[in-house]
Amino acid sequence: MYRGTLATNGYMFDKAKNFTFVLGAGEVIKGWDLGIVGMKIGGSRKLVVPPKLGYGKRGCSPDIPGNATLHFTVSLKKIESS
């Protein structure tokens, strides 16, 4: 489960109750690949993702402008083995 907001004004650009990805495979922004490492099942973490680990100069239209710092609140529900 996660919630993503812009650091500048708190605008919530995304949220999900369930989200699955392979850690370290480049399926998500680099800030997530680095920020999720070490989490335990049932744990929560606040990630502050600078532009270079997020969407950089290009942003992600229409909700994330270029050079945006992103805030995420993430809860880890489970870990699946490959």
PDB file of N, CA and C in Angstrom:
ATOM      1  N   MET A   1       0.858  -1.165   0.000  1.00  0.00           N
ATOM      2  CA  MET A   1       0.000   0.000   0.000  1.00  0.00           C
ATOM      3  C   MET A   1       0.904   1.226   0.000  1.00  0.00           C
ATOM      4  N   TYR A   2       0.526   2.239  -0.789  1.00  0.00           N
ATOM      5  CA  TYR A   2       1.314   3.461  -0.801  1.00  0.00           C
ATOM      6  C   TYR A   2       0.466   4.669  -1.148  1.00  0.00           C
ATOM      7  N   ARG A   3       1.051   5.819  -0.843  1.00  0.00           N
ATOM      8  CA  ARG A   3       0.437   7.114  -1.173  1.00  0.00           C
ATOM      9  C   ARG A   3       1.577   8.033  -1.573  1.00  0.00           C
ATOM     10  N   GLY A   4       1.447   8.696  -2.726  1.00  0.00           N
ATOM     11  CA  GLY A   4       2.488   9.591  -3.205  1.00  0.00           C
ATOM     12  C   GLY A   4       1.990  11.016  -3.297  1.00  0.00           C
ATOM     13  N   THR A   5       2.790  11.968  -2.769  1.00  0.00           N
ATOM     14  CA  THR A   5       2.429  13.372  -2.808  1.00  0.00           C
ATOM     15  C   THR A   5       3.617  14.213  -3.275  1.00  0.00           C
ATOM     16  N   LEU A   6       3.320  15.403  -3.767  1.00  0.00           N
ATOM     17  CA  LEU A   6       4.366  16.352  -4.125  1.00  0.00           C
ATOM     18  C   LEU A   6       4.850  17.057  -2.859  1.00  0.00           C
ATOM     19  N   ALA A   7       6.162  17.209  -2.731  1.00  0.00           N
ATOM     20  CA  ALA A   7       6.724  17.865  -1.551  1.00  0.00           C
ATOM     21  C   ALA A   7       6.337  19.340  -1.488  1.00  0.00           C
ATOM     22  N   THR A   8       6.177  19.973  -2.627  1.00  0.00           N
ATOM     23  CA  THR A   8       5.922  21.418  -2.664  1.00  0.00           C
ATOM     24  C   THR A   8       4.564  21.825  -2.109  1.00  0.00           C
ATOM     25  N   ASN A   9       3.531  21.024  -2.392  1.00  0.00           N
ATOM     26  CA  ASN A   9       2.186  21.453  -1.993  1.00  0.00           C
ATOM     27  C   ASN A   9       1.307  20.337  -1.416  1.00  0.00           C
ATOM     28  N   GLY A  10       1.852  19.129  -1.293  1.00  0.00           N
ATOM     29  CA  GLY A  10       1.090  18.023  -0.719  1.00  0.00           C
ATOM     30  C   GLY A  10       0.079  17.388  -1.652  1.00  0.00           C
ATOM     31  N   TYR A  11       0.063  17.813  -2.913  1.00  0.00           N
ATOM     32  CA  TYR A  11      -0.885  17.248  -3.879  1.00  0.00           C
ATOM     33  C   TYR A  11      -0.666  15.739  -4.009  1.00  0.00           C
ATOM     34  N   MET A  12      -1.722  14.949  -3.790  1.00  0.00           N
ATOM     35  CA  MET A  12      -1.623  13.496  -3.915  1.00  0.00           C
ATOM     36  C   MET A  12      -1.774  13.104  -5.379  1.00  0.00           C
ATOM     37  N   PHE A  13      -0.706  12.591  -5.959  1.00  0.00           N
ATOM     38  CA  PHE A  13      -0.729  12.229  -7.369  1.00  0.00           C
ATOM     39  C   PHE A  13      -1.002  10.754  -7.604  1.00  0.00           C
ATOM     40  N   ASP A  14      -0.885   9.932  -6.554  1.00  0.00           N
ATOM     41  CA  ASP A  14      -1.128   8.499  -6.742  1.00  0.00           C
ATOM     42  C   ASP A  14      -1.304   7.806  -5.401  1.00  0.00           C
ATOM     43  N   LYS A  15      -2.052   6.698  -5.425  1.00  0.00           N
ATOM     44  CA  LYS A  15      -2.181   5.833  -4.253  1.00  0.00           C
ATOM     45  C   LYS A  15      -2.666   4.479  -4.719  1.00  0.00           C
ATOM     46  N   ALA A  16      -2.360   3.462  -3.954  1.00  0.00           N
ATOM     47  CA  ALA A  16      -2.814   2.105  -4.283  1.00  0.00           C
ATOM     48  C   ALA A  16      -2.842   1.264  -3.019  1.00  0.00           C
ATOM     49  N   LYS A  17      -3.820   0.369  -2.958  1.00  0.00           N
ATOM     50  CA  LYS A  17      -3.879  -0.584  -1.844  1.00  0.00           C
ATOM     51  C   LYS A  17      -2.987  -1.779  -2.113  1.00  0.00           C
ATOM     52  N   ASN A  18      -2.868  -2.154  -3.375  1.00  0.00           N
ATOM     53  CA  ASN A  18      -2.023  -3.280  -3.767  1.00  0.00           C
ATOM     54  C   ASN A  18      -1.145  -2.854  -4.937  1.00  0.00           C
ATOM     55  N   PHE A  19       0.128  -3.146  -4.816  1.00  0.00           N
ATOM     56  CA  PHE A  19       1.075  -2.806  -5.871  1.00  0.00           C
ATOM     57  C   PHE A  19       2.215  -3.813  -5.794  1.00  0.00           C
ATOM     58  N   THR A  20       2.470  -4.493  -6.884  1.00  0.00           N
ATOM     59  CA  THR A  20       3.500  -5.531  -6.915  1.00  0.00           C
ATOM     60  C   THR A  20       4.582  -5.147  -7.910  1.00  0.00           C
ATOM     61  N   PHE A  21       5.846  -5.317  -7.509  1.00  0.00           N
ATOM     62  CA  PHE A  21       6.969  -5.079  -8.404  1.00  0.00           C
ATOM     63  C   PHE A  21       8.169  -5.892  -7.941  1.00  0.00           C
ATOM     64  N   VAL A  22       9.133  -6.064  -8.830  1.00  0.00           N
ATOM     65  CA  VAL A  22      10.360  -6.791  -8.512  1.00  0.00           C
ATOM     66  C   VAL A  22      11.398  -5.772  -8.059  1.00  0.00           C
ATOM     67  N   LEU A  23      11.837  -5.873  -6.818  1.00  0.00           N
ATOM     68  CA  LEU A  23      12.808  -4.957  -6.244  1.00  0.00           C
ATOM     69  C   LEU A  23      14.130  -5.035  -6.993  1.00  0.00           C
ATOM     70  N   GLY A  24      14.656  -3.885  -7.392  1.00  0.00           N
ATOM     71  CA  GLY A  24      15.947  -3.818  -8.060  1.00  0.00           C
ATOM     72  C   GLY A  24      15.922  -4.081  -9.552  1.00  0.00           C
ATOM     73  N   ALA A  25      14.746  -4.325 -10.115  1.00  0.00           N
ATOM     74  CA  ALA A  25      14.634  -4.659 -11.537  1.00  0.00           C
ATOM     75  C   ALA A  25      14.351  -3.433 -12.416  1.00  0.00           C
ATOM     76  N   GLY A  26      14.256  -2.256 -11.820  1.00  0.00           N
ATOM     77  CA  GLY A  26      13.986  -1.052 -12.592  1.00  0.00           C
ATOM     78  C   GLY A  26      12.532  -0.890 -13.002  1.00  0.00           C
ATOM     79  N   GLU A  27      11.631  -1.605 -12.347  1.00  0.00           N
ATOM     80  CA  GLU A  27      10.206  -1.502 -12.665  1.00  0.00           C
ATOM     81  C   GLU A  27       9.557  -0.265 -12.046  1.00  0.00           C
ATOM     82  N   VAL A  28      10.228   0.321 -11.074  1.00  0.00           N
ATOM     83  CA  VAL A  28       9.739   1.507 -10.369  1.00  0.00           C
ATOM     84  C   VAL A  28      10.849   2.553 -10.381  1.00  0.00           C
ATOM     85  N   ILE A  29      10.555   3.742  -9.899  1.00  0.00           N
ATOM     86  CA  ILE A  29      11.587   4.772  -9.838  1.00  0.00           C
ATOM     87  C   ILE A  29      12.714   4.330  -8.901  1.00  0.00           C
ATOM     88  N   LYS A  30      13.901   4.852  -9.152  1.00  0.00           N
ATOM     89  CA  LYS A  30      15.090   4.464  -8.389  1.00  0.00           C
ATOM     90  C   LYS A  30      14.905   4.715  -6.885  1.00  0.00           C
ATOM     91  N   GLY A  31      14.199   5.778  -6.538  1.00  0.00           N
ATOM     92  CA  GLY A  31      13.948   6.079  -5.128  1.00  0.00           C
ATOM     93  C   GLY A  31      13.209   4.962  -4.407  1.00  0.00           C
ATOM     94  N   TRP A  32      12.347   4.259  -5.127  1.00  0.00           N
ATOM     95  CA  TRP A  32      11.658   3.106  -4.537  1.00  0.00           C
ATOM     96  C   TRP A  32      12.597   1.913  -4.453  1.00  0.00           C
ATOM     97  N   ASP A  33      13.322   1.636  -5.532  1.00  0.00           N
ATOM     98  CA  ASP A  33      14.251   0.502  -5.509  1.00  0.00           C
ATOM     99  C   ASP A  33      15.230   0.631  -4.345  1.00  0.00           C
ATOM    100  N   LEU A  34      15.675   1.840  -4.038  1.00  0.00           N
ATOM    101  CA  LEU A  34      16.600   2.054  -2.924  1.00  0.00           C
ATOM    102  C   LEU A  34      15.885   2.148  -1.577  1.00  0.00           C
ATOM    103  N   GLY A  35      14.721   2.778  -1.558  1.00  0.00           N
ATOM    104  CA  GLY A  35      14.029   3.058  -0.306  1.00  0.00           C
ATOM    105  C   GLY A  35      13.298   1.895   0.326  1.00  0.00           C
ATOM    106  N   ILE A  36      12.952   0.897  -0.448  1.00  0.00           N
ATOM    107  CA  ILE A  36      12.200  -0.250   0.076  1.00  0.00           C
ATOM    108  C   ILE A  36      13.129  -1.303   0.696  1.00  0.00           C
ATOM    109  N   VAL A  37      14.393  -1.298   0.269  1.00  0.00           N
ATOM    110  CA  VAL A  37      15.367  -2.281   0.777  1.00  0.00           C
ATOM    111  C   VAL A  37      15.398  -2.246   2.307  1.00  0.00           C
ATOM    112  N   GLY A  38      15.326  -3.413   2.915  1.00  0.00           N
ATOM    113  CA  GLY A  38      15.400  -3.534   4.365  1.00  0.00           C
ATOM    114  C   GLY A  38      14.065  -3.470   5.087  1.00  0.00           C
ATOM    115  N   MET A  39      12.978  -3.189   4.365  1.00  0.00           N
ATOM    116  CA  MET A  39      11.671  -3.163   5.018  1.00  0.00           C
ATOM    117  C   MET A  39      11.256  -4.561   5.439  1.00  0.00           C
ATOM    118  N   LYS A  40      10.495  -4.624   6.496  1.00  0.00           N
ATOM    119  CA  LYS A  40       9.970  -5.886   6.993  1.00  0.00           C
ATOM    120  C   LYS A  40       8.471  -5.932   6.736  1.00  0.00           C
ATOM    121  N   ILE A  41       7.933  -7.132   6.599  1.00  0.00           N
ATOM    122  CA  ILE A  41       6.496  -7.314   6.396  1.00  0.00           C
ATOM    123  C   ILE A  41       5.743  -6.649   7.543  1.00  0.00           C
ATOM    124  N   GLY A  42       4.743  -5.855   7.191  1.00  0.00           N
ATOM    125  CA  GLY A  42       3.955  -5.128   8.176  1.00  0.00           C
ATOM    126  C   GLY A  42       4.530  -3.759   8.516  1.00  0.00           C
ATOM    127  N   GLY A  43       5.734  -3.463   8.020  1.00  0.00           N
ATOM    128  CA  GLY A  43       6.376  -2.188   8.309  1.00  0.00           C
ATOM    129  C   GLY A  43       5.891  -1.073   7.403  1.00  0.00           C
ATOM    130  N   SER A  44       6.084   0.148   7.871  1.00  0.00           N
ATOM    131  CA  SER A  44       5.757   1.335   7.094  1.00  0.00           C
ATOM    132  C   SER A  44       6.991   2.220   7.026  1.00  0.00           C
ATOM    133  N   ARG A  45       7.075   2.983   5.959  1.00  0.00           N
ATOM    134  CA  ARG A  45       8.229   3.850   5.771  1.00  0.00           C
ATOM    135  C   ARG A  45       7.802   5.074   4.983  1.00  0.00           C
ATOM    136  N   LYS A  46       8.409   6.209   5.328  1.00  0.00           N
ATOM    137  CA  LYS A  46       8.209   7.447   4.573  1.00  0.00           C
ATOM    138  C   LYS A  46       9.444   7.644   3.714  1.00  0.00           C
ATOM    139  N   LEU A  47       9.231   7.774   2.417  1.00  0.00           N
ATOM    140  CA  LEU A  47      10.325   7.990   1.480  1.00  0.00           C
ATOM    141  C   LEU A  47      10.271   9.425   0.974  1.00  0.00           C
ATOM    142  N   VAL A  48      11.407  10.099   0.992  1.00  0.00           N
ATOM    143  CA  VAL A  48      11.549  11.414   0.375  1.00  0.00           C
ATOM    144  C   VAL A  48      12.444  11.184  -0.831  1.00  0.00           C
ATOM    145  N   VAL A  49      11.878  11.325  -2.009  1.00  0.00           N
ATOM    146  CA  VAL A  49      12.569  10.986  -3.258  1.00  0.00           C
ATOM    147  C   VAL A  49      12.931  12.272  -4.011  1.00  0.00           C
ATOM    148  N   PRO A  50      14.232  12.581  -4.091  1.00  0.00           N
ATOM    149  CA  PRO A  50      14.640  13.762  -4.853  1.00  0.00           C
ATOM    150  C   PRO A  50      14.449  13.527  -6.350  1.00  0.00           C
ATOM    151  N   PRO A  51      14.413  14.597  -7.142  1.00  0.00           N
ATOM    152  CA  PRO A  51      14.170  14.446  -8.584  1.00  0.00           C
ATOM    153  C   PRO A  51      15.086  13.436  -9.274  1.00  0.00           C
ATOM    154  N   LYS A  52      16.363  13.401  -8.918  1.00  0.00           N
ATOM    155  CA  LYS A  52      17.291  12.501  -9.617  1.00  0.00           C
ATOM    156  C   LYS A  52      16.981  11.025  -9.362  1.00  0.00           C
ATOM    157  N   LEU A  53      16.215  10.722  -8.308  1.00  0.00           N
ATOM    158  CA  LEU A  53      15.810   9.341  -8.028  1.00  0.00           C
ATOM    159  C   LEU A  53      14.333   9.111  -8.341  1.00  0.00           C
ATOM    160  N   GLY A  54      13.693  10.156  -8.883  1.00  0.00           N
ATOM    161  CA  GLY A  54      12.282  10.078  -9.267  1.00  0.00           C
ATOM    162  C   GLY A  54      12.127  10.209 -10.773  1.00  0.00           C
ATOM    163  N   TYR A  55      11.512  11.317 -11.184  1.00  0.00           N
ATOM    164  CA  TYR A  55      11.240  11.524 -12.609  1.00  0.00           C
ATOM    165  C   TYR A  55      12.109  12.607 -13.244  1.00  0.00           C
ATOM    166  N   GLY A  56      13.038  13.162 -12.479  1.00  0.00           N
ATOM    167  CA  GLY A  56      14.006  14.110 -13.020  1.00  0.00           C
ATOM    168  C   GLY A  56      13.400  15.348 -13.647  1.00  0.00           C
ATOM    169  N   LYS A  57      14.114  15.886 -14.629  1.00  0.00           N
ATOM    170  CA  LYS A  57      13.704  17.118 -15.305  1.00  0.00           C
ATOM    171  C   LYS A  57      12.412  16.960 -16.096  1.00  0.00           C
ATOM    172  N   ARG A  58      12.157  15.743 -16.589  1.00  0.00           N
ATOM    173  CA  ARG A  58      10.996  15.532 -17.460  1.00  0.00           C
ATOM    174  C   ARG A  58       9.677  15.440 -16.697  1.00  0.00           C
ATOM    175  N   GLY A  59       9.721  15.039 -15.426  1.00  0.00           N
ATOM    176  CA  GLY A  59       8.497  14.851 -14.666  1.00  0.00           C
ATOM    177  C   GLY A  59       7.698  13.678 -15.210  1.00  0.00           C
ATOM    178  N   CYS A  60       6.437  13.623 -14.853  1.00  0.00           N
ATOM    179  CA  CYS A  60       5.535  12.568 -15.338  1.00  0.00           C
ATOM    180  C   CYS A  60       4.152  13.207 -15.491  1.00  0.00           C
ATOM    181  N   SER A  61       3.912  13.702 -16.681  1.00  0.00           N
ATOM    182  CA  SER A  61       2.690  14.437 -16.977  1.00  0.00           C
ATOM    183  C   SER A  61       1.453  13.558 -16.789  1.00  0.00           C
ATOM    184  N   PRO A  62       0.364  14.064 -16.298  1.00  0.00           N
ATOM    185  CA  PRO A  62       0.103  15.469 -16.040  1.00  0.00           C
ATOM    186  C   PRO A  62       0.324  15.896 -14.591  1.00  0.00           C
ATOM    187  N   ASP A  63       0.565  14.975 -13.670  1.00  0.00           N
ATOM    188  CA  ASP A  63       0.539  15.305 -12.245  1.00  0.00           C
ATOM    189  C   ASP A  63       1.880  15.635 -11.595  1.00  0.00           C
ATOM    190  N   ILE A  64       2.976  15.175 -12.176  1.00  0.00           N
ATOM    191  CA  ILE A  64       4.275  15.380 -11.539  1.00  0.00           C
ATOM    192  C   ILE A  64       5.128  16.292 -12.435  1.00  0.00           C
ATOM    193  N   PRO A  65       5.378  17.516 -11.966  1.00  0.00           N
ATOM    194  CA  PRO A  65       6.187  18.434 -12.775  1.00  0.00           C
ATOM    195  C   PRO A  65       7.663  18.043 -12.769  1.00  0.00           C
ATOM    196  N   GLY A  66       8.414  18.600 -13.697  1.00  0.00           N
ATOM    197  CA  GLY A  66       9.847  18.352 -13.729  1.00  0.00           C
ATOM    198  C   GLY A  66      10.518  18.828 -12.453  1.00  0.00           C
ATOM    199  N   ASN A  67      11.586  18.151 -12.071  1.00  0.00           N
ATOM    200  CA  ASN A  67      12.384  18.487 -10.881  1.00  0.00           C
ATOM    201  C   ASN A  67      11.595  18.448  -9.576  1.00  0.00           C
ATOM    202  N   ALA A  68      10.596  17.585  -9.504  1.00  0.00           N
ATOM    203  CA  ALA A  68       9.763  17.488  -8.300  1.00  0.00           C
ATOM    204  C   ALA A  68      10.357  16.514  -7.287  1.00  0.00           C
ATOM    205  N   THR A  69      10.377  16.937  -6.021  1.00  0.00           N
ATOM    206  CA  THR A  69      10.684  16.038  -4.920  1.00  0.00           C
ATOM    207  C   THR A  69       9.378  15.379  -4.525  1.00  0.00           C
ATOM    208  N   LEU A  70       9.420  14.062  -4.348  1.00  0.00           N
ATOM    209  CA  LEU A  70       8.214  13.285  -4.065  1.00  0.00           C
ATOM    210  C   LEU A  70       8.253  12.704  -2.665  1.00  0.00           C
ATOM    211  N   HIS A  71       7.105  12.652  -2.023  1.00  0.00           N
ATOM    212  CA  HIS A  71       6.962  12.008  -0.715  1.00  0.00           C
ATOM    213  C   HIS A  71       6.060  10.789  -0.883  1.00  0.00           C
ATOM    214  N   PHE A  72       6.500   9.674  -0.334  1.00  0.00           N
ATOM    215  CA  PHE A  72       5.703   8.452  -0.364  1.00  0.00           C
ATOM    216  C   PHE A  72       5.577   7.898   1.042  1.00  0.00           C
ATOM    217  N   THR A  73       4.397   7.428   1.386  1.00  0.00           N
ATOM    218  CA  THR A  73       4.180   6.626   2.582  1.00  0.00           C
ATOM    219  C   THR A  73       3.897   5.226   2.067  1.00  0.00           C
ATOM    220  N   VAL A  74       4.732   4.270   2.482  1.00  0.00           N
ATOM    221  CA  VAL A  74       4.668   2.913   1.950  1.00  0.00           C
ATOM    222  C   VAL A  74       4.492   1.921   3.094  1.00  0.00           C
ATOM    223  N   SER A  75       3.599   0.958   2.925  1.00  0.00           N
ATOM    224  CA  SER A  75       3.415  -0.148   3.874  1.00  0.00           C
ATOM    225  C   SER A  75       3.668  -1.440   3.120  1.00  0.00           C
ATOM    226  N   LEU A  76       4.502  -2.297   3.688  1.00  0.00           N
ATOM    227  CA  LEU A  76       4.837  -3.567   3.033  1.00  0.00           C
ATOM    228  C   LEU A  76       3.929  -4.666   3.567  1.00  0.00           C
ATOM    229  N   LYS A  77       3.114  -5.223   2.683  1.00  0.00           N
ATOM    230  CA  LYS A  77       2.153  -6.260   3.075  1.00  0.00           C
ATOM    231  C   LYS A  77       2.739  -7.658   3.019  1.00  0.00           C
ATOM    232  N   LYS A  78       3.528  -7.944   1.963  1.00  0.00           N
ATOM    233  CA  LYS A  78       4.120  -9.268   1.844  1.00  0.00           C
ATOM    234  C   LYS A  78       5.315  -9.234   0.894  1.00  0.00           C
ATOM    235  N   ILE A  79       6.108 -10.280   0.981  1.00  0.00           N
ATOM    236  CA  ILE A  79       7.262 -10.459   0.095  1.00  0.00           C
ATOM    237  C   ILE A  79       7.092 -11.803  -0.583  1.00  0.00           C
ATOM    238  N   GLU A  80       7.201 -11.794  -1.901  1.00  0.00           N
ATOM    239  CA  GLU A  80       7.091 -13.048  -2.659  1.00  0.00           C
ATOM    240  C   GLU A  80       8.464 -13.437  -3.179  1.00  0.00           C
ATOM    241  N   SER A  81       8.775 -14.702  -3.114  1.00  0.00           N
ATOM    242  CA  SER A  81      10.044 -15.212  -3.646  1.00  0.00           C
ATOM    243  C   SER A  81       9.914 -15.445  -5.131  1.00  0.00           C
ATOM    244  N   SER A  82      11.039 -15.303  -5.819  1.00  0.00           N
ATOM    245  CA  SER A  82      11.008 -15.545  -7.268  1.00  0.00           C
ATOM    246  C   SER A  82      11.265 -16.999  -7.590  1.00  0.00           C
TER     247      SER A  82
END
